[in-house]
């Protein structure tokens, strides 16, 4: 088995950034990850803020699929996949 890894398609900027520096949507995050909300952008974001999804707030993704179950502010909350696409997150410190 070869010990070489093919990296031609990897973005060099992303390859050198620490894992905690990569932003992703809540949909893209793995289940069970501790995350920190970076940006809310889209039509449903004011309602999300009213419910406790605010920038810099810690959140944990509990399940994925058509609706996502998250834990934020000590409360479990289900949001649609479409709404989760409007939530940009980064891994919380200590993850990765």
Protein backbone atom coordinates (compact mmCIF):
# COMPACT_ATOMS: atom_id res chain seq x y z
CA UNK A 1 0.00 0.00 0.00
CA UNK A 2 1.34 3.42 -0.95
CA UNK A 3 2.22 5.86 1.81
CA UNK A 4 1.75 8.86 -0.48
CA UNK A 5 -1.37 11.00 -0.30
CA UNK A 6 -2.74 12.71 -3.38
CA UNK A 7 -3.25 16.39 -2.49
CA UNK A 8 -3.50 18.04 -5.92
CA UNK A 9 -7.16 18.98 -5.41
CA UNK A 10 -6.68 20.43 -1.90
CA UNK A 11 -6.84 24.22 -1.58
CA UNK A 12 -3.36 25.16 -0.26
CA UNK A 13 -4.78 27.98 1.89
CA UNK A 14 -7.19 25.59 3.61
CA UNK A 15 -4.55 22.91 4.01
CA UNK A 16 -2.39 25.24 6.09
CA UNK A 17 -5.17 26.69 8.28
CA UNK A 18 -5.86 25.10 11.65
CA UNK A 19 -9.07 23.08 11.76
CA UNK A 20 -10.72 25.62 14.08
CA UNK A 21 -10.30 28.36 11.43
CA UNK A 22 -12.52 26.71 8.81
CA UNK A 23 -16.06 28.03 8.59
CA UNK A 24 -18.84 25.69 7.42
CA UNK A 25 -22.60 25.63 7.46
CA UNK A 26 -24.37 23.86 10.29
CA UNK A 27 -25.43 21.25 7.70
CA UNK A 28 -21.80 20.49 6.88
CA UNK A 29 -20.70 20.04 10.51
CA UNK A 30 -20.43 16.51 11.87
CA UNK A 31 -22.98 15.23 14.38
CA UNK A 32 -21.64 15.46 17.94
CA UNK A 33 -19.31 18.40 17.26
CA UNK A 34 -19.07 21.35 19.60
CA UNK A 35 -19.28 24.44 17.45
CA UNK A 36 -19.37 28.21 17.72
CA UNK A 37 -21.78 30.23 15.58
CA UNK A 38 -19.89 32.73 13.43
CA UNK A 39 -22.49 34.31 11.15
CA UNK A 40 -26.24 34.08 10.60
CA UNK A 41 -27.15 35.13 7.07
CA UNK A 42 -30.50 34.77 5.37
CA UNK A 43 -34.22 35.42 5.66
CA UNK A 44 -34.84 33.34 8.81
CA UNK A 45 -31.96 34.67 10.87
CA UNK A 46 -33.84 37.23 12.97
CA UNK A 47 -36.09 34.45 14.25
CA UNK A 48 -33.05 32.29 14.96
CA UNK A 49 -31.53 35.12 17.01
CA UNK A 50 -34.80 35.43 18.95
CA UNK A 51 -34.52 31.72 19.78
CA UNK A 52 -30.93 31.98 21.02
CA UNK A 53 -28.92 31.21 17.88
CA UNK A 54 -26.63 34.24 18.09
CA UNK A 55 -23.15 34.96 16.79
CA UNK A 56 -20.39 33.56 19.04
CA UNK A 57 -22.89 31.28 20.86
CA UNK A 58 -21.72 27.69 21.44
CA UNK A 59 -23.88 25.03 19.82
CA UNK A 60 -23.69 21.24 19.53
CA UNK A 61 -25.13 19.40 16.53
CA UNK A 62 -26.99 16.38 17.89
CA UNK A 63 -28.54 14.91 14.72
CA UNK A 64 -28.51 15.55 10.99
CA UNK A 65 -30.93 14.86 8.18
CA UNK A 66 -34.01 16.69 6.97
CA UNK A 67 -34.30 18.48 10.32
CA UNK A 68 -31.28 19.06 12.55
CA UNK A 69 -31.41 18.76 16.31
CA UNK A 70 -29.03 21.12 18.11
CA UNK A 71 -28.28 22.01 21.69
CA UNK A 72 -27.92 25.75 22.27
CA UNK A 73 -28.27 27.67 25.55
CA UNK A 74 -28.98 24.38 27.32
CA UNK A 75 -32.04 23.73 25.13
CA UNK A 76 -32.55 21.20 22.37
CA UNK A 77 -33.90 22.80 19.24
CA UNK A 78 -34.86 21.38 15.83
CA UNK A 79 -34.31 23.52 12.76
CA UNK A 80 -34.84 22.76 9.08
CA UNK A 81 -32.00 21.82 6.78
CA UNK A 82 -32.71 25.00 4.79
CA UNK A 83 -32.38 27.18 7.90
CA UNK A 84 -29.22 25.34 9.02
CA UNK A 85 -27.69 26.29 5.66
CA UNK A 86 -27.87 29.96 6.81
CA UNK A 87 -25.85 29.31 10.00
CA UNK A 88 -22.07 29.48 9.55
CA UNK A 89 -20.10 27.80 12.33
CA UNK A 90 -16.54 26.91 13.28
CA UNK A 91 -15.31 24.12 15.49
CA UNK A 92 -15.08 25.23 19.11
CA UNK A 93 -11.63 25.27 20.69
CA UNK A 94 -10.57 21.84 21.81
CA UNK A 95 -12.34 20.07 18.90
CA UNK A 96 -10.61 18.47 15.98
